[in-house]
Amino acid sequence: MLQIKKEDFLLFPIVFFWILVFLPKYVQLVFFCLYFTVLASQYGRKKKYDTFFLLQMIYLVIFGISILFNGFIGSHETVRIFAALNTWVINCIAVGSYAIYKSENVISSNKVSKYCFINLVILITLNLIYQLSASAKNVSILGHTLCGADWVEGVYTTRFYGFLADRAEQERILLDLQQNIRKNMQKRFDLCYNGLEQYNFVLEQGLARRNWQKSQGQLQQVQDAIRQQVQKRLHSAELQLGHAAALTGSLDPYKVLARGYTMVTAANGTILNADDLQPEKTIYVRSASRRAKCRVEAVEEINENTQKF
């Protein structure tokens, strides 16, 4: 029967870490779940808890609650929820393994450092081999990209993906991030546009009010000017009317008679002029209060050059 030492079993994930990084996430999850199940059943009877372990447990509890909250209440994609669950399970396995490793205390730190250095050398060597190989463009192991070539800022570049997640998943994450950034920017643009619209509406209302007040002032000035012109014209018309009335009154025959003048009329009251005067003709001379019956004896023409007043 095959016997595996405790130290060898505990060092297994560290020794073959350079292979595990090439595996897809779901394969890594299955491997670590199986490994932790065996580890806990064989060596997990006593565990050593320290401050670091307790802080990690608090973090995992908060992380798990947030996943449940966003999974049942939020509107996230199912793929993203499972990716978060995968990360949470891996962290739980890591914390549990830490407690078992701490309690067993059979692994030498020198061996851990040595195997970590070996893994680093292997990964760097693989990268150099890829860089030196002109024909190798995209190399994948079990669906996990080891290295690849792509256009970056207009330059055809080769890159090593050994320590990173799956390239397709990275592209999807970057695409989701880009879409979220675009949505947030669009929301901010909409908010700014609505704010500007409201501010513009307020400005237009204030401008219209100021224009209305200015028009009211101009209208009031025009009304005052018209009122002054009407009053001035009425006063001038009243003066002209009074002058015409005075002139008309001065031409009234009865008022002329009242000033001491007389007029010559016929028996029927018709006013006679100088051509109507004939010798032996009966005329009436009328003053303001009396009338005298007269008889024309002779009619003579008056020479204005010799006339004296």
C-alpha atoms as a PDB file:
ATOM      1  CA  MET A   1       0.000   0.000   0.000  1.00  0.00           C
ATOM      2  CA  LEU A   2       1.261   3.404  -0.963  1.00  0.00           C
ATOM      3  CA  GLN A   3       2.283   5.458   2.050  1.00  0.00           C
ATOM      4  CA  ILE A   4       2.400   9.280   1.754  1.00  0.00           C
ATOM      5  CA  LYS A   5       4.192  11.256   4.363  1.00  0.00           C
ATOM      6  CA  LYS A   6       2.340  14.072   6.071  1.00  0.00           C
ATOM      7  CA  GLU A   7       4.904  16.639   4.990  1.00  0.00           C
ATOM      8  CA  ASP A   8       4.748  15.508   1.362  1.00  0.00           C
ATOM      9  CA  PHE A   9       0.968  15.695   1.358  1.00  0.00           C
ATOM     10  CA  LEU A  10       0.991  19.185   2.829  1.00  0.00           C
ATOM     11  CA  LEU A  11       3.619  20.328   0.326  1.00  0.00           C
ATOM     12  CA  PHE A  12       1.760  18.911  -2.683  1.00  0.00           C
ATOM     13  CA  PRO A  13      -0.060  22.160  -3.739  1.00  0.00           C
ATOM     14  CA  ILE A  14       3.133  24.168  -3.290  1.00  0.00           C
ATOM     15  CA  VAL A  15       5.325  21.760  -5.277  1.00  0.00           C
ATOM     16  CA  PHE A  16       2.965  21.614  -8.249  1.00  0.00           C
ATOM     17  CA  PHE A  17       1.787  25.201  -8.115  1.00  0.00           C
ATOM     18  CA  TRP A  18       3.240  25.941 -11.577  1.00  0.00           C
ATOM     19  CA  ILE A  19       0.848  23.334 -13.026  1.00  0.00           C
ATOM     20  CA  LEU A  20      -2.195  24.469 -11.020  1.00  0.00           C
ATOM     21  CA  VAL A  21      -2.010  28.016 -12.364  1.00  0.00           C
ATOM     22  CA  PHE A  22      -2.599  26.690 -15.891  1.00  0.00           C
ATOM     23  CA  LEU A  23      -5.816  24.893 -14.967  1.00  0.00           C
ATOM     24  CA  PRO A  24      -9.245  26.512 -15.519  1.00  0.00           C
ATOM     25  CA  LYS A  25     -10.942  27.894 -12.463  1.00  0.00           C
ATOM     26  CA  TYR A  26     -13.519  25.152 -12.168  1.00  0.00           C
ATOM     27  CA  VAL A  27     -10.756  22.500 -12.283  1.00  0.00           C
ATOM     28  CA  GLN A  28      -8.788  24.413  -9.634  1.00  0.00           C
ATOM     29  CA  LEU A  29     -11.917  24.563  -7.462  1.00  0.00           C
ATOM     30  CA  VAL A  30     -12.563  20.817  -7.721  1.00  0.00           C
ATOM     31  CA  PHE A  31      -8.907  20.018  -6.972  1.00  0.00           C
ATOM     32  CA  PHE A  32      -8.720  22.258  -3.887  1.00  0.00           C
ATOM     33  CA  CYS A  33     -12.071  20.974  -2.569  1.00  0.00           C
ATOM     34  CA  LEU A  34     -10.862  17.374  -2.829  1.00  0.00           C
ATOM     35  CA  TYR A  35      -7.478  18.257  -1.348  1.00  0.00           C
ATOM     36  CA  PHE A  36      -9.027  20.143   1.603  1.00  0.00           C
ATOM     37  CA  THR A  37     -11.496  17.285   2.242  1.00  0.00           C
ATOM     38  CA  VAL A  38      -8.645  14.814   2.593  1.00  0.00           C
ATOM     39  CA  LEU A  39      -6.553  17.310   4.552  1.00  0.00           C
ATOM     40  CA  ALA A  40      -9.333  18.044   7.064  1.00  0.00           C
ATOM     41  CA  SER A  41     -10.241  14.353   7.496  1.00  0.00           C
ATOM     42  CA  GLN A  42      -6.668  13.240   8.054  1.00  0.00           C
ATOM     43  CA  TYR A  43      -5.032  16.172   9.889  1.00  0.00           C
ATOM     44  CA  GLY A  44      -7.828  18.522  10.889  1.00  0.00           C
ATOM     45  CA  ARG A  45      -8.663  17.143  14.328  1.00  0.00           C
ATOM     46  CA  LYS A  46      -6.803  19.955  16.038  1.00  0.00           C
ATOM     47  CA  LYS A  47      -6.612  23.426  14.694  1.00  0.00           C
ATOM     48  CA  LYS A  48      -4.707  26.468  15.873  1.00  0.00           C
ATOM     49  CA  TYR A  49      -6.542  29.766  15.692  1.00  0.00           C
ATOM     50  CA  ASP A  50      -4.712  33.080  15.855  1.00  0.00           C
ATOM     51  CA  THR A  51      -5.556  36.725  15.199  1.00  0.00           C
ATOM     52  CA  PHE A  52      -4.937  36.418  11.468  1.00  0.00           C
ATOM     53  CA  PHE A  53      -7.351  33.454  11.229  1.00  0.00           C
ATOM     54  CA  LEU A  54     -10.093  35.320  13.117  1.00  0.00           C
ATOM     55  CA  LEU A  55      -9.716  38.434  10.934  1.00  0.00           C
ATOM     56  CA  GLN A  56      -9.913  36.312   7.788  1.00  0.00           C
ATOM     57  CA  MET A  57     -13.070  34.606   9.079  1.00  0.00           C
ATOM     58  CA  ILE A  58     -14.715  37.976   9.727  1.00  0.00           C
ATOM     59  CA  TYR A  59     -13.823  39.025   6.188  1.00  0.00           C
ATOM     60  CA  LEU A  60     -15.241  35.794   4.728  1.00  0.00           C
ATOM     61  CA  VAL A  61     -18.505  36.205   6.667  1.00  0.00           C
ATOM     62  CA  ILE A  62     -18.933  39.748   5.321  1.00  0.00           C
ATOM     63  CA  PHE A  63     -17.961  38.595   1.817  1.00  0.00           C
ATOM     64  CA  GLY A  64     -20.483  35.718   1.934  1.00  0.00           C
ATOM     65  CA  ILE A  65     -23.309  37.986   3.144  1.00  0.00           C
ATOM     66  CA  SER A  66     -22.604  40.437   0.320  1.00  0.00           C
ATOM     67  CA  ILE A  67     -22.735  37.594  -2.238  1.00  0.00           C
ATOM     68  CA  LEU A  68     -26.113  36.425  -0.901  1.00  0.00           C
ATOM     69  CA  PHE A  69     -27.459  39.953  -0.818  1.00  0.00           C
ATOM     70  CA  ASN A  70     -26.433  40.716  -4.408  1.00  0.00           C
ATOM     71  CA  GLY A  71     -27.496  37.268  -5.621  1.00  0.00           C
ATOM     72  CA  PHE A  72     -31.102  37.471  -4.355  1.00  0.00           C
ATOM     73  CA  ILE A  73     -31.708  41.209  -4.371  1.00  0.00           C
ATOM     74  CA  GLY A  74     -29.307  42.672  -6.935  1.00  0.00           C
ATOM     75  CA  SER A  75     -29.549  42.414 -10.730  1.00  0.00           C
ATOM     76  CA  HIS A  76     -26.123  40.900 -11.450  1.00  0.00           C
ATOM     77  CA  GLU A  77     -25.363  38.236 -14.018  1.00  0.00           C
ATOM     78  CA  THR A  78     -25.401  34.613 -12.888  1.00  0.00           C
ATOM     79  CA  VAL A  79     -21.857  34.114 -14.167  1.00  0.00           C
ATOM     80  CA  ARG A  80     -20.603  36.915 -11.940  1.00  0.00           C
ATOM     81  CA  ILE A  81     -22.388  35.445  -8.902  1.00  0.00           C
ATOM     82  CA  PHE A  82     -20.774  32.035  -9.474  1.00  0.00           C
ATOM     83  CA  ALA A  83     -17.379  33.666  -9.989  1.00  0.00           C
ATOM     84  CA  ALA A  84     -17.747  35.426  -6.637  1.00  0.00           C
ATOM     85  CA  LEU A  85     -18.813  32.124  -4.999  1.00  0.00           C
ATOM     86  CA  ASN A  86     -15.759  30.449  -6.503  1.00  0.00           C
ATOM     87  CA  THR A  87     -13.483  33.115  -5.006  1.00  0.00           C
ATOM     88  CA  TRP A  88     -15.239  32.794  -1.624  1.00  0.00           C
ATOM     89  CA  VAL A  89     -14.878  29.000  -1.522  1.00  0.00           C
ATOM     90  CA  ILE A  90     -11.179  29.197  -2.478  1.00  0.00           C
ATOM     91  CA  ASN A  91     -10.604  31.741   0.316  1.00  0.00           C
ATOM     92  CA  CYS A  92     -12.418  29.504   2.810  1.00  0.00           C
ATOM     93  CA  ILE A  93     -10.213  26.557   1.784  1.00  0.00           C
ATOM     94  CA  ALA A  94      -7.112  28.736   2.105  1.00  0.00           C
ATOM     95  CA  VAL A  95      -8.057  29.913   5.622  1.00  0.00           C
ATOM     96  CA  GLY A  96      -8.940  26.373   6.729  1.00  0.00           C
ATOM     97  CA  SER A  97      -5.688  25.023   5.308  1.00  0.00           C
ATOM     98  CA  TYR A  98      -3.794  27.783   7.110  1.00  0.00           C
ATOM     99  CA  ALA A  99      -5.297  26.696  10.443  1.00  0.00           C
ATOM    100  CA  ILE A 100      -4.352  23.027   9.800  1.00  0.00           C
ATOM    101  CA  TYR A 101      -0.846  23.919   8.629  1.00  0.00           C
ATOM    102  CA  LYS A 102      -0.418  26.110  11.715  1.00  0.00           C
ATOM    103  CA  SER A 103      -1.478  23.330  14.080  1.00  0.00           C
ATOM    104  CA  GLU A 104       0.575  20.552  12.461  1.00  0.00           C
ATOM    105  CA  ASN A 105       3.728  22.636  12.135  1.00  0.00           C
ATOM    106  CA  VAL A 106       5.612  19.890  10.248  1.00  0.00           C
ATOM    107  CA  ILE A 107       6.576  21.849   7.155  1.00  0.00           C
ATOM    108  CA  SER A 108       9.954  23.550   7.091  1.00  0.00           C
ATOM    109  CA  SER A 109       9.894  27.164   5.940  1.00  0.00           C
ATOM    110  CA  ASN A 110      13.111  26.502   4.014  1.00  0.00           C
ATOM    111  CA  LYS A 111      11.341  23.859   1.929  1.00  0.00           C
ATOM    112  CA  VAL A 112       8.445  26.207   1.260  1.00  0.00           C
ATOM    113  CA  SER A 113      10.889  28.894   0.104  1.00  0.00           C
ATOM    114  CA  LYS A 114      12.766  26.388  -2.051  1.00  0.00           C
ATOM    115  CA  TYR A 115       9.633  25.112  -3.831  1.00  0.00           C
ATOM    116  CA  CYS A 116       8.341  28.653  -4.357  1.00  0.00           C
ATOM    117  CA  PHE A 117      11.662  29.537  -5.971  1.00  0.00           C
ATOM    118  CA  ILE A 118      11.476  26.424  -8.170  1.00  0.00           C
ATOM    119  CA  ASN A 119       7.947  27.358  -9.313  1.00  0.00           C
ATOM    120  CA  LEU A 120       9.090  30.865 -10.146  1.00  0.00           C
ATOM    121  CA  VAL A 121      12.056  29.551 -12.145  1.00  0.00           C
ATOM    122  CA  ILE A 122       9.815  27.162 -14.082  1.00  0.00           C
ATOM    123  CA  LEU A 123       7.304  29.887 -14.989  1.00  0.00           C
ATOM    124  CA  ILE A 124      10.042  32.309 -16.041  1.00  0.00           C
ATOM    125  CA  THR A 125      11.692  29.571 -18.109  1.00  0.00           C
ATOM    126  CA  LEU A 126       8.428  28.808 -19.885  1.00  0.00           C
ATOM    127  CA  ASN A 127       8.012  32.471 -20.648  1.00  0.00           C
ATOM    128  CA  LEU A 128      11.547  32.702 -22.090  1.00  0.00           C
ATOM    129  CA  ILE A 129      10.945  29.641 -24.237  1.00  0.00           C
ATOM    130  CA  TYR A 130       7.813  31.240 -25.569  1.00  0.00           C
ATOM    131  CA  GLN A 131       9.537  34.537 -26.252  1.00  0.00           C
ATOM    132  CA  LEU A 132      12.324  32.783 -28.156  1.00  0.00           C
ATOM    133  CA  SER A 133       9.901  30.720 -30.185  1.00  0.00           C
ATOM    134  CA  ALA A 134       8.854  32.666 -33.290  1.00  0.00           C
ATOM    135  CA  SER A 135       6.183  30.173 -34.272  1.00  0.00           C
ATOM    136  CA  ALA A 136       4.398  30.018 -30.897  1.00  0.00           C
ATOM    137  CA  LYS A 137       1.641  32.628 -30.783  1.00  0.00           C
ATOM    138  CA  ASN A 138      -1.070  31.327 -28.466  1.00  0.00           C
ATOM    139  CA  VAL A 139      -0.438  28.415 -26.106  1.00  0.00           C
ATOM    140  CA  SER A 140      -3.210  27.021 -23.867  1.00  0.00           C
ATOM    141  CA  ILE A 141      -3.219  24.146 -21.396  1.00  0.00           C
ATOM    142  CA  LEU A 142      -6.615  22.670 -20.441  1.00  0.00           C
ATOM    143  CA  GLY A 143      -8.356  25.820 -21.660  1.00  0.00           C
ATOM    144  CA  HIS A 144      -6.116  28.098 -19.588  1.00  0.00           C
ATOM    145  CA  THR A 145      -3.965  30.524 -21.609  1.00  0.00           C
ATOM    146  CA  LEU A 146      -0.258  30.187 -20.917  1.00  0.00           C
ATOM    147  CA  CYS A 147       0.885  32.914 -23.323  1.00  0.00           C
ATOM    148  CA  GLY A 148      -0.538  34.727 -26.280  1.00  0.00           C
ATOM    149  CA  ALA A 149       0.022  37.350 -28.918  1.00  0.00           C
ATOM    150  CA  ASP A 150      -2.214  40.338 -29.550  1.00  0.00           C
ATOM    151  CA  TRP A 151      -2.201  43.885 -30.858  1.00  0.00           C
ATOM    152  CA  VAL A 152      -1.513  46.401 -28.083  1.00  0.00           C
ATOM    153  CA  GLU A 153      -1.571  50.093 -29.030  1.00  0.00           C
ATOM    154  CA  GLY A 154      -0.792  49.296 -32.659  1.00  0.00           C
ATOM    155  CA  VAL A 155       2.103  46.905 -31.888  1.00  0.00           C
ATOM    156  CA  TYR A 156       1.907  43.114 -32.218  1.00  0.00           C
ATOM    157  CA  THR A 157       2.952  42.001 -28.727  1.00  0.00           C
ATOM    158  CA  THR A 158       3.423  38.629 -27.024  1.00  0.00           C
ATOM    159  CA  ARG A 159       2.386  38.360 -23.381  1.00  0.00           C
ATOM    160  CA  PHE A 160       2.646  35.712 -20.654  1.00  0.00           C
ATOM    161  CA  TYR A 161      -0.671  34.872 -18.928  1.00  0.00           C
ATOM    162  CA  GLY A 162       0.571  32.125 -16.571  1.00  0.00           C
ATOM    163  CA  PHE A 163      -0.257  33.922 -13.334  1.00  0.00           C
ATOM    164  CA  LEU A 164      -3.493  35.488 -14.610  1.00  0.00           C
ATOM    165  CA  ALA A 165      -7.034  34.222 -14.944  1.00  0.00           C
ATOM    166  CA  ASP A 166      -8.512  32.925 -18.165  1.00  0.00           C
ATOM    167  CA  ARG A 167      -8.070  35.395 -20.988  1.00  0.00           C
ATOM    168  CA  ALA A 168     -11.664  35.107 -22.179  1.00  0.00           C
ATOM    169  CA  GLU A 169     -12.897  35.819 -18.662  1.00  0.00           C
ATOM    170  CA  GLN A 170     -10.565  38.809 -18.434  1.00  0.00           C
ATOM    171  CA  GLU A 171     -11.926  40.181 -21.688  1.00  0.00           C
ATOM    172  CA  ARG A 172     -15.482  39.692 -20.441  1.00  0.00           C
ATOM    173  CA  ILE A 173     -14.647  41.446 -17.156  1.00  0.00           C
ATOM    174  CA  LEU A 174     -13.055  44.340 -19.040  1.00  0.00           C
ATOM    175  CA  LEU A 175     -16.083  44.516 -21.351  1.00  0.00           C
ATOM    176  CA  ASP A 176     -18.447  44.612 -18.348  1.00  0.00           C
ATOM    177  CA  LEU A 177     -16.289  47.292 -16.760  1.00  0.00           C
ATOM    178  CA  GLN A 178     -16.333  49.316 -19.970  1.00  0.00           C
ATOM    179  CA  GLN A 179     -20.123  49.025 -20.229  1.00  0.00           C
ATOM    180  CA  ASN A 180     -20.556  50.061 -16.582  1.00  0.00           C
ATOM    181  CA  ILE A 181     -18.262  53.052 -17.087  1.00  0.00           C
ATOM    182  CA  ARG A 182     -20.206  54.038 -20.211  1.00  0.00           C
ATOM    183  CA  LYS A 183     -23.533  53.728 -18.361  1.00  0.00           C
ATOM    184  CA  ASN A 184     -22.263  55.794 -15.430  1.00  0.00           C
ATOM    185  CA  MET A 185     -20.903  58.450 -17.775  1.00  0.00           C
ATOM    186  CA  GLN A 186     -24.209  58.527 -19.657  1.00  0.00           C
ATOM    187  CA  LYS A 187     -26.113  58.920 -16.376  1.00  0.00           C
ATOM    188  CA  ARG A 188     -23.821  61.758 -15.328  1.00  0.00           C
ATOM    189  CA  PHE A 189     -24.232  63.394 -18.747  1.00  0.00           C
ATOM    190  CA  ASP A 190     -28.014  63.096 -18.433  1.00  0.00           C
ATOM    191  CA  LEU A 191     -27.933  64.640 -14.948  1.00  0.00           C
ATOM    192  CA  CYS A 192     -25.738  67.497 -16.187  1.00  0.00           C
ATOM    193  CA  TYR A 193     -28.011  68.008 -19.208  1.00  0.00           C
ATOM    194  CA  ASN A 194     -31.141  68.096 -17.052  1.00  0.00           C
ATOM    195  CA  GLY A 195     -29.457  70.515 -14.653  1.00  0.00           C
ATOM    196  CA  LEU A 196     -28.468  72.768 -17.546  1.00  0.00           C
ATOM    197  CA  GLU A 197     -31.999  72.615 -18.942  1.00  0.00           C
ATOM    198  CA  GLN A 198     -33.458  73.665 -15.600  1.00  0.00           C
ATOM    199  CA  TYR A 199     -30.878  76.425 -15.198  1.00  0.00           C
ATOM    200  CA  ASN A 200     -31.576  77.614 -18.751  1.00  0.00           C
ATOM    201  CA  PHE A 201     -35.315  77.620 -18.019  1.00  0.00           C
ATOM    202  CA  VAL A 202     -34.740  79.741 -14.903  1.00  0.00           C
ATOM    203  CA  LEU A 203     -32.538  82.120 -16.880  1.00  0.00           C
ATOM    204  CA  GLU A 204     -35.142  82.408 -19.634  1.00  0.00           C
ATOM    205  CA  GLN A 205     -37.853  83.114 -17.080  1.00  0.00           C
ATOM    206  CA  GLY A 206     -35.698  85.794 -15.432  1.00  0.00           C
ATOM    207  CA  LEU A 207     -34.826  87.326 -18.817  1.00  0.00           C
ATOM    208  CA  ALA A 208     -38.485  87.363 -19.860  1.00  0.00           C
ATOM    209  CA  ARG A 209     -39.403  89.018 -16.549  1.00  0.00           C
ATOM    210  CA  ARG A 210     -36.698  91.638 -17.004  1.00  0.00           C
ATOM    211  CA  ASN A 211     -37.822  92.285 -20.597  1.00  0.00           C
ATOM    212  CA  TRP A 212     -41.410  92.599 -19.436  1.00  0.00           C
ATOM    213  CA  GLN A 213     -40.422  95.062 -16.719  1.00  0.00           C
ATOM    214  CA  LYS A 214     -38.350  97.040 -19.236  1.00  0.00           C
ATOM    215  CA  SER A 215     -41.286  97.091 -21.668  1.00  0.00           C
ATOM    216  CA  GLN A 216     -43.580  98.211 -18.862  1.00  0.00           C
ATOM    217  CA  GLY A 217     -41.218 101.100 -18.084  1.00  0.00           C
ATOM    218  CA  GLN A 218     -41.015 102.113 -21.749  1.00  0.00           C
ATOM    219  CA  LEU A 219     -44.798 101.904 -22.081  1.00  0.00           C
ATOM    220  CA  GLN A 220     -45.228 104.088 -18.997  1.00  0.00           C
ATOM    221  CA  GLN A 221     -42.834 106.654 -20.477  1.00  0.00           C
ATOM    222  CA  VAL A 222     -44.763 106.672 -23.767  1.00  0.00           C
ATOM    223  CA  GLN A 223     -48.059 107.071 -21.884  1.00  0.00           C
ATOM    224  CA  ASP A 224     -46.664 110.022 -19.904  1.00  0.00           C
ATOM    225  CA  ALA A 225     -45.365 111.654 -23.104  1.00  0.00           C
ATOM    226  CA  ILE A 226     -48.741 111.157 -24.846  1.00  0.00           C
ATOM    227  CA  ARG A 227     -50.565 112.538 -21.809  1.00  0.00           C
ATOM    228  CA  GLN A 228     -48.332 115.616 -21.791  1.00  0.00           C
ATOM    229  CA  GLN A 229     -48.805 116.141 -25.534  1.00  0.00           C
ATOM    230  CA  VAL A 230     -52.600 115.777 -25.210  1.00  0.00           C
ATOM    231  CA  GLN A 231     -52.699 118.258 -22.331  1.00  0.00           C
ATOM    232  CA  LYS A 232     -50.526 120.674 -24.267  1.00  0.00           C
ATOM    233  CA  ARG A 233     -52.708 120.400 -27.369  1.00  0.00           C
ATOM    234  CA  LEU A 234     -55.886 120.771 -25.313  1.00  0.00           C
ATOM    235  CA  HIS A 235     -54.498 123.902 -23.669  1.00  0.00           C
ATOM    236  CA  SER A 236     -53.498 125.317 -27.046  1.00  0.00           C
ATOM    237  CA  ALA A 237     -56.935 124.475 -28.508  1.00  0.00           C
ATOM    238  CA  GLU A 238     -58.630 126.102 -25.529  1.00  0.00           C
ATOM    239  CA  LEU A 239     -56.586 129.250 -26.076  1.00  0.00           C
ATOM    240  CA  GLN A 240     -57.432 129.279 -29.793  1.00  0.00           C
ATOM    241  CA  LEU A 241     -61.097 128.654 -29.043  1.00  0.00           C
ATOM    242  CA  GLY A 242     -61.147 131.483 -26.508  1.00  0.00           C
ATOM    243  CA  HIS A 243     -59.473 133.825 -28.960  1.00  0.00           C
ATOM    244  CA  ALA A 244     -61.949 132.859 -31.715  1.00  0.00           C
ATOM    245  CA  ALA A 245     -64.859 133.279 -29.298  1.00  0.00           C
ATOM    246  CA  ALA A 246     -63.559 136.719 -28.300  1.00  0.00           C
ATOM    247  CA  LEU A 247     -63.109 137.673 -31.946  1.00  0.00           C
ATOM    248  CA  THR A 248     -66.574 136.387 -32.813  1.00  0.00           C
ATOM    249  CA  GLY A 249     -68.049 138.257 -29.902  1.00  0.00           C
ATOM    250  CA  SER A 250     -66.372 141.462 -31.004  1.00  0.00           C
ATOM    251  CA  LEU A 251     -68.020 141.118 -34.421  1.00  0.00           C
ATOM    252  CA  ASP A 252     -71.523 140.708 -32.941  1.00  0.00           C
ATOM    253  CA  PRO A 253     -73.625 143.644 -34.371  1.00  0.00           C
ATOM    254  CA  TYR A 254     -75.477 144.097 -31.125  1.00  0.00           C
ATOM    255  CA  LYS A 255     -72.252 144.460 -29.208  1.00  0.00           C
ATOM    256  CA  VAL A 256     -71.084 146.974 -31.808  1.00  0.00           C
ATOM    257  CA  LEU A 257     -74.296 148.907 -31.205  1.00  0.00           C
ATOM    258  CA  ALA A 258     -73.687 148.685 -27.468  1.00  0.00           C
ATOM    259  CA  ARG A 259     -70.377 150.476 -28.014  1.00  0.00           C
ATOM    260  CA  GLY A 260     -72.283 153.518 -29.457  1.00  0.00           C
ATOM    261  CA  TYR A 261     -72.506 152.704 -33.139  1.00  0.00           C
ATOM    262  CA  THR A 262     -75.745 152.703 -35.208  1.00  0.00           C
ATOM    263  CA  MET A 263     -76.929 150.878 -38.274  1.00  0.00           C
ATOM    264  CA  VAL A 264     -79.311 151.739 -41.094  1.00  0.00           C
ATOM    265  CA  THR A 265     -82.194 149.385 -41.796  1.00  0.00           C
ATOM    266  CA  ALA A 266     -85.326 149.308 -43.900  1.00  0.00           C
ATOM    267  CA  ALA A 267     -88.805 149.240 -42.411  1.00  0.00           C
ATOM    268  CA  ASN A 268     -88.657 145.442 -42.237  1.00  0.00           C
ATOM    269  CA  GLY A 269     -85.327 145.456 -40.390  1.00  0.00           C
ATOM    270  CA  THR A 270     -83.115 144.652 -43.330  1.00  0.00           C
ATOM    271  CA  ILE A 271     -79.706 146.237 -42.997  1.00  0.00           C
ATOM    272  CA  LEU A 272     -79.062 148.728 -45.803  1.00  0.00           C
ATOM    273  CA  ASN A 273     -75.670 149.474 -47.302  1.00  0.00           C
ATOM    274  CA  ALA A 274     -74.497 152.662 -48.953  1.00  0.00           C
ATOM    275  CA  ASP A 275     -75.814 151.721 -52.407  1.00  0.00           C
ATOM    276  CA  ASP A 276     -79.333 151.324 -51.002  1.00  0.00           C
ATOM    277  CA  LEU A 277     -79.511 154.963 -49.899  1.00  0.00           C
ATOM    278  CA  GLN A 278     -81.632 157.089 -52.289  1.00  0.00           C
ATOM    279  CA  PRO A 279     -82.942 160.575 -51.857  1.00  0.00           C
ATOM    280  CA  GLU A 280     -86.475 160.808 -50.512  1.00  0.00           C
ATOM    281  CA  LYS A 281     -86.211 157.287 -49.175  1.00  0.00           C
ATOM    282  CA  THR A 282     -87.414 156.463 -45.688  1.00  0.00           C
ATOM    283  CA  ILE A 283     -84.848 154.705 -43.552  1.00  0.00           C
ATOM    284  CA  TYR A 284     -84.495 153.731 -39.939  1.00  0.00           C
ATOM    285  CA  VAL A 285     -81.423 154.434 -37.858  1.00  0.00           C
ATOM    286  CA  ARG A 286     -81.066 151.961 -35.021  1.00  0.00           C
ATOM    287  CA  SER A 287     -78.911 152.128 -31.940  1.00  0.00           C
ATOM    288  CA  ALA A 288     -78.564 149.678 -29.093  1.00  0.00           C
ATOM    289  CA  SER A 289     -81.848 150.758 -27.419  1.00  0.00           C
ATOM    290  CA  ARG A 290     -83.671 153.033 -29.898  1.00  0.00           C
ATOM    291  CA  ARG A 291     -84.694 153.345 -33.483  1.00  0.00           C
ATOM    292  CA  ALA A 292     -85.237 156.614 -35.389  1.00  0.00           C
ATOM    293  CA  LYS A 293     -87.254 157.045 -38.563  1.00  0.00           C
ATOM    294  CA  CYS A 294     -85.471 159.285 -41.026  1.00  0.00           C
ATOM    295  CA  ARG A 295     -85.838 160.583 -44.541  1.00  0.00           C
ATOM    296  CA  VAL A 296     -82.902 160.803 -46.951  1.00  0.00           C
ATOM    297  CA  GLU A 297     -82.648 164.272 -48.434  1.00  0.00           C
ATOM    298  CA  ALA A 298     -79.444 163.755 -50.408  1.00  0.00           C
ATOM    299  CA  VAL A 299     -76.689 161.217 -50.904  1.00  0.00           C
ATOM    300  CA  GLU A 300     -73.107 162.388 -51.219  1.00  0.00           C
ATOM    301  CA  GLU A 301     -69.898 160.459 -51.757  1.00  0.00           C
ATOM    302  CA  ILE A 302     -67.171 161.001 -49.182  1.00  0.00           C
ATOM    303  CA  ASN A 303     -63.632 161.801 -50.313  1.00  0.00           C
ATOM    304  CA  GLU A 304     -61.400 159.748 -48.047  1.00  0.00           C
ATOM    305  CA  ASN A 305     -58.436 162.000 -48.724  1.00  0.00           C
ATOM    306  CA  THR A 306     -60.215 164.995 -47.253  1.00  0.00           C
ATOM    307  CA  GLN A 307     -62.015 163.100 -44.561  1.00  0.00           C
ATOM    308  CA  LYS A 308     -60.953 163.989 -41.024  1.00  0.00           C
ATOM    309  CA  PHE A 309     -61.815 162.248 -37.810  1.00  0.00           C
END
